[in-house]
Amino acid sequence: LGDGRTTLCQITLENGYTVLGQSSCVDITNFDLDKGQKYSFDDAIRQIWPLEGYLLAEMMHLDRQLQASIDALNDELAPSTPS
């Protein structure tokens, strides 16, 4: 950010989506690049977890929808039993 006390970490996921982590110190005299890189990386990783949770929930939802469609199609195609 150009203030001399903030470190940014951009992680690009395999699908091209990017997540930005950051860390800052209050006093510029306490700035430590190694710590800033570690903390901004940790922040970016922390932000990925809710996205992964959403993706898992969406995939489970789509799987249930697909299974319901397959079951309905199987019911339609099954030979009827005479009464």
N, C-alpha and C. Protein backbone atom coordinates (compact mmCIF):
# COMPACT_ATOMS: atom_id res chain seq x y z
N LEU A 1 0.82 -1.20 0.00
CA LEU A 1 0.00 0.00 0.00
C LEU A 1 0.86 1.25 0.00
N GLY A 2 2.14 1.06 0.00
CA GLY A 2 3.02 2.21 -0.10
C GLY A 2 3.23 2.96 1.21
N ASP A 3 2.75 2.42 2.35
CA ASP A 3 2.93 3.13 3.61
C ASP A 3 4.15 2.62 4.37
N GLY A 4 4.82 1.60 3.85
CA GLY A 4 6.03 1.09 4.48
C GLY A 4 5.80 0.19 5.67
N ARG A 5 4.55 -0.12 5.97
CA ARG A 5 4.28 -1.00 7.11
C ARG A 5 3.26 -2.08 6.81
N THR A 6 2.85 -2.18 5.57
CA THR A 6 1.83 -3.15 5.17
C THR A 6 2.42 -4.13 4.17
N THR A 7 2.11 -5.41 4.36
CA THR A 7 2.56 -6.45 3.44
C THR A 7 1.33 -7.12 2.87
N LEU A 8 1.33 -7.33 1.56
CA LEU A 8 0.21 -7.99 0.89
C LEU A 8 0.66 -9.33 0.32
N CYS A 9 -0.26 -10.28 0.31
CA CYS A 9 0.01 -11.58 -0.29
C CYS A 9 -1.19 -11.94 -1.16
N GLN A 10 -0.95 -12.14 -2.43
CA GLN A 10 -2.01 -12.55 -3.35
C GLN A 10 -1.82 -14.00 -3.71
N ILE A 11 -2.85 -14.81 -3.45
CA ILE A 11 -2.83 -16.22 -3.81
C ILE A 11 -3.83 -16.42 -4.94
N THR A 12 -3.38 -17.03 -6.02
CA THR A 12 -4.27 -17.35 -7.14
C THR A 12 -4.58 -18.83 -7.08
N LEU A 13 -5.88 -19.15 -6.96
CA LEU A 13 -6.31 -20.53 -6.89
C LEU A 13 -6.27 -21.17 -8.27
N GLU A 14 -6.37 -22.47 -8.33
CA GLU A 14 -6.26 -23.19 -9.61
C GLU A 14 -7.30 -22.72 -10.63
N ASN A 15 -8.47 -22.26 -10.17
CA ASN A 15 -9.52 -21.82 -11.09
C ASN A 15 -9.35 -20.36 -11.51
N GLY A 16 -8.29 -19.71 -11.05
CA GLY A 16 -8.01 -18.34 -11.44
C GLY A 16 -8.50 -17.29 -10.45
N TYR A 17 -9.31 -17.69 -9.47
CA TYR A 17 -9.80 -16.76 -8.46
C TYR A 17 -8.65 -16.36 -7.55
N THR A 18 -8.58 -15.08 -7.17
CA THR A 18 -7.49 -14.63 -6.32
C THR A 18 -8.01 -14.21 -4.95
N VAL A 19 -7.18 -14.44 -3.96
CA VAL A 19 -7.46 -14.06 -2.58
C VAL A 19 -6.30 -13.19 -2.12
N LEU A 20 -6.63 -12.10 -1.44
CA LEU A 20 -5.61 -11.15 -1.00
C LEU A 20 -5.53 -11.15 0.52
N GLY A 21 -4.34 -11.44 1.05
CA GLY A 21 -4.10 -11.37 2.49
C GLY A 21 -3.25 -10.16 2.78
N GLN A 22 -3.36 -9.66 4.00
CA GLN A 22 -2.55 -8.50 4.36
C GLN A 22 -2.16 -8.55 5.82
N SER A 23 -1.08 -7.85 6.12
CA SER A 23 -0.66 -7.65 7.50
C SER A 23 -0.06 -6.25 7.59
N SER A 24 -0.22 -5.65 8.74
CA SER A 24 0.33 -4.31 8.95
C SER A 24 0.81 -4.18 10.38
N CYS A 25 1.80 -3.36 10.56
CA CYS A 25 2.23 -3.03 11.92
C CYS A 25 1.85 -1.58 12.18
N VAL A 26 1.63 -1.25 13.43
CA VAL A 26 1.20 0.09 13.79
C VAL A 26 2.34 1.09 13.63
N ASP A 27 3.50 0.70 14.10
CA ASP A 27 4.66 1.59 14.07
C ASP A 27 5.64 1.11 13.00
N ILE A 28 5.96 1.96 12.07
CA ILE A 28 6.83 1.58 10.96
C ILE A 28 8.20 1.09 11.43
N THR A 29 8.62 1.51 12.61
CA THR A 29 9.93 1.05 13.12
C THR A 29 9.87 -0.43 13.51
N ASN A 30 8.66 -0.99 13.65
CA ASN A 30 8.51 -2.41 13.98
C ASN A 30 8.34 -3.29 12.73
N PHE A 31 8.38 -2.68 11.55
CA PHE A 31 8.16 -3.45 10.32
C PHE A 31 9.23 -4.52 10.16
N ASP A 32 8.78 -5.74 9.86
CA ASP A 32 9.68 -6.87 9.63
C ASP A 32 9.12 -7.61 8.41
N LEU A 33 9.83 -7.56 7.30
CA LEU A 33 9.33 -8.15 6.05
C LEU A 33 9.03 -9.63 6.20
N ASP A 34 9.89 -10.38 6.85
CA ASP A 34 9.66 -11.82 7.01
C ASP A 34 8.36 -12.08 7.76
N LYS A 35 8.14 -11.37 8.86
CA LYS A 35 6.90 -11.53 9.62
C LYS A 35 5.70 -11.07 8.80
N GLY A 36 5.86 -9.98 8.09
CA GLY A 36 4.78 -9.46 7.25
C GLY A 36 4.37 -10.47 6.18
N GLN A 37 5.36 -11.11 5.56
CA GLN A 37 5.06 -12.12 4.55
C GLN A 37 4.34 -13.31 5.17
N LYS A 38 4.80 -13.75 6.33
CA LYS A 38 4.17 -14.89 7.00
C LYS A 38 2.72 -14.55 7.38
N TYR A 39 2.51 -13.40 8.02
CA TYR A 39 1.17 -13.04 8.49
C TYR A 39 0.21 -12.74 7.34
N SER A 40 0.69 -12.14 6.27
CA SER A 40 -0.20 -11.86 5.14
C SER A 40 -0.55 -13.16 4.40
N PHE A 41 0.40 -14.08 4.32
CA PHE A 41 0.12 -15.40 3.73
C PHE A 41 -0.91 -16.14 4.58
N ASP A 42 -0.70 -16.16 5.90
CA ASP A 42 -1.65 -16.81 6.81
C ASP A 42 -3.05 -16.20 6.67
N ASP A 43 -3.12 -14.88 6.52
CA ASP A 43 -4.41 -14.19 6.35
C ASP A 43 -5.09 -14.63 5.05
N ALA A 44 -4.32 -14.74 3.98
CA ALA A 44 -4.89 -15.17 2.69
C ALA A 44 -5.41 -16.61 2.79
N ILE A 45 -4.64 -17.49 3.41
CA ILE A 45 -5.07 -18.88 3.58
C ILE A 45 -6.35 -18.94 4.40
N ARG A 46 -6.42 -18.15 5.47
CA ARG A 46 -7.61 -18.11 6.32
C ARG A 46 -8.85 -17.72 5.52
N GLN A 47 -8.68 -16.85 4.55
CA GLN A 47 -9.82 -16.39 3.74
C GLN A 47 -10.28 -17.45 2.73
N ILE A 48 -9.43 -18.41 2.42
CA ILE A 48 -9.80 -19.45 1.46
C ILE A 48 -10.79 -20.44 2.09
N TRP A 49 -10.67 -20.73 3.38
CA TRP A 49 -11.49 -21.75 4.01
C TRP A 49 -12.99 -21.54 3.87
N PRO A 50 -13.53 -20.33 4.07
CA PRO A 50 -14.97 -20.15 3.84
C PRO A 50 -15.38 -20.42 2.39
N LEU A 51 -14.49 -20.08 1.46
CA LEU A 51 -14.78 -20.35 0.05
C LEU A 51 -14.84 -21.86 -0.20
N GLU A 52 -13.92 -22.59 0.40
CA GLU A 52 -13.92 -24.05 0.26
C GLU A 52 -15.18 -24.66 0.88
N GLY A 53 -15.61 -24.11 2.02
CA GLY A 53 -16.84 -24.59 2.65
C GLY A 53 -18.05 -24.35 1.77
N TYR A 54 -18.12 -23.18 1.15
CA TYR A 54 -19.21 -22.88 0.22
C TYR A 54 -19.17 -23.84 -0.96
N LEU A 55 -18.00 -24.06 -1.51
CA LEU A 55 -17.86 -24.95 -2.66
C LEU A 55 -18.32 -26.37 -2.31
N LEU A 56 -17.93 -26.86 -1.15
CA LEU A 56 -18.34 -28.19 -0.72
C LEU A 56 -19.86 -28.27 -0.57
N ALA A 57 -20.46 -27.26 0.06
CA ALA A 57 -21.92 -27.25 0.23
C ALA A 57 -22.62 -27.21 -1.12
N GLU A 58 -22.11 -26.42 -2.05
CA GLU A 58 -22.72 -26.32 -3.39
C GLU A 58 -22.60 -27.64 -4.14
N MET A 59 -21.44 -28.29 -4.05
CA MET A 59 -21.26 -29.57 -4.73
C MET A 59 -22.19 -30.63 -4.14
N MET A 60 -22.36 -30.64 -2.82
CA MET A 60 -23.27 -31.60 -2.20
C MET A 60 -24.71 -31.33 -2.63
N HIS A 61 -25.08 -30.07 -2.72
CA HIS A 61 -26.42 -29.69 -3.17
C HIS A 61 -26.66 -30.15 -4.61
N LEU A 62 -25.70 -29.89 -5.48
CA LEU A 62 -25.84 -30.29 -6.88
C LEU A 62 -25.89 -31.81 -7.01
N ASP A 63 -25.12 -32.51 -6.19
CA ASP A 63 -25.13 -33.96 -6.20
C ASP A 63 -26.52 -34.49 -5.81
N ARG A 64 -27.13 -33.88 -4.78
CA ARG A 64 -28.48 -34.30 -4.36
C ARG A 64 -29.50 -34.04 -5.47
N GLN A 65 -29.37 -32.88 -6.13
CA GLN A 65 -30.28 -32.57 -7.25
C GLN A 65 -30.11 -33.57 -8.38
N LEU A 66 -28.89 -33.89 -8.72
CA LEU A 66 -28.62 -34.84 -9.79
C LEU A 66 -29.17 -36.21 -9.43
N GLN A 67 -28.95 -36.64 -8.20
CA GLN A 67 -29.46 -37.95 -7.78
C GLN A 67 -30.98 -37.98 -7.82
N ALA A 68 -31.64 -36.89 -7.42
CA ALA A 68 -33.11 -36.84 -7.48
C ALA A 68 -33.58 -36.92 -8.93
N SER A 69 -32.88 -36.26 -9.84
CA SER A 69 -33.25 -36.33 -11.26
C SER A 69 -33.06 -37.74 -11.81
N ILE A 70 -31.97 -38.39 -11.43
CA ILE A 70 -31.72 -39.77 -11.88
C ILE A 70 -32.80 -40.69 -11.34
N ASP A 71 -33.15 -40.53 -10.06
CA ASP A 71 -34.19 -41.36 -9.46
C ASP A 71 -35.53 -41.16 -10.17
N ALA A 72 -35.87 -39.91 -10.48
CA ALA A 72 -37.13 -39.62 -11.17
C ALA A 72 -37.13 -40.23 -12.57
N LEU A 73 -36.02 -40.14 -13.27
CA LEU A 73 -35.92 -40.72 -14.61
C LEU A 73 -36.02 -42.24 -14.54
N ASN A 74 -35.36 -42.84 -13.58
CA ASN A 74 -35.46 -44.29 -13.40
C ASN A 74 -36.90 -44.73 -13.12
N ASP A 75 -37.60 -43.94 -12.31
CA ASP A 75 -39.00 -44.25 -12.02
C ASP A 75 -39.85 -44.17 -13.29
N GLU A 76 -39.58 -43.19 -14.14
CA GLU A 76 -40.33 -43.04 -15.39
C GLU A 76 -40.05 -44.20 -16.34
N LEU A 77 -38.81 -44.65 -16.37
CA LEU A 77 -38.42 -45.68 -17.33
C LEU A 77 -38.68 -47.10 -16.84
N ALA A 78 -38.94 -47.26 -15.56
CA ALA A 78 -39.18 -48.58 -15.01
C ALA A 78 -40.49 -49.14 -15.55
N PRO A 79 -40.49 -50.43 -15.90
CA PRO A 79 -41.74 -51.01 -16.39
C PRO A 79 -42.80 -51.00 -15.29
N SER A 80 -44.02 -50.68 -15.70
CA SER A 80 -45.09 -50.63 -14.70
C SER A 80 -45.56 -52.05 -14.39
N THR A 81 -45.94 -52.20 -13.17
CA THR A 81 -46.42 -53.50 -12.73
C THR A 81 -47.94 -53.52 -12.90
N PRO A 82 -48.46 -54.54 -13.55
CA PRO A 82 -49.93 -54.58 -13.70
C PRO A 82 -50.61 -54.77 -12.34
N SER A 83 -51.75 -54.09 -12.18
CA SER A 83 -52.46 -54.21 -10.90
C SER A 83 -53.48 -55.32 -10.95
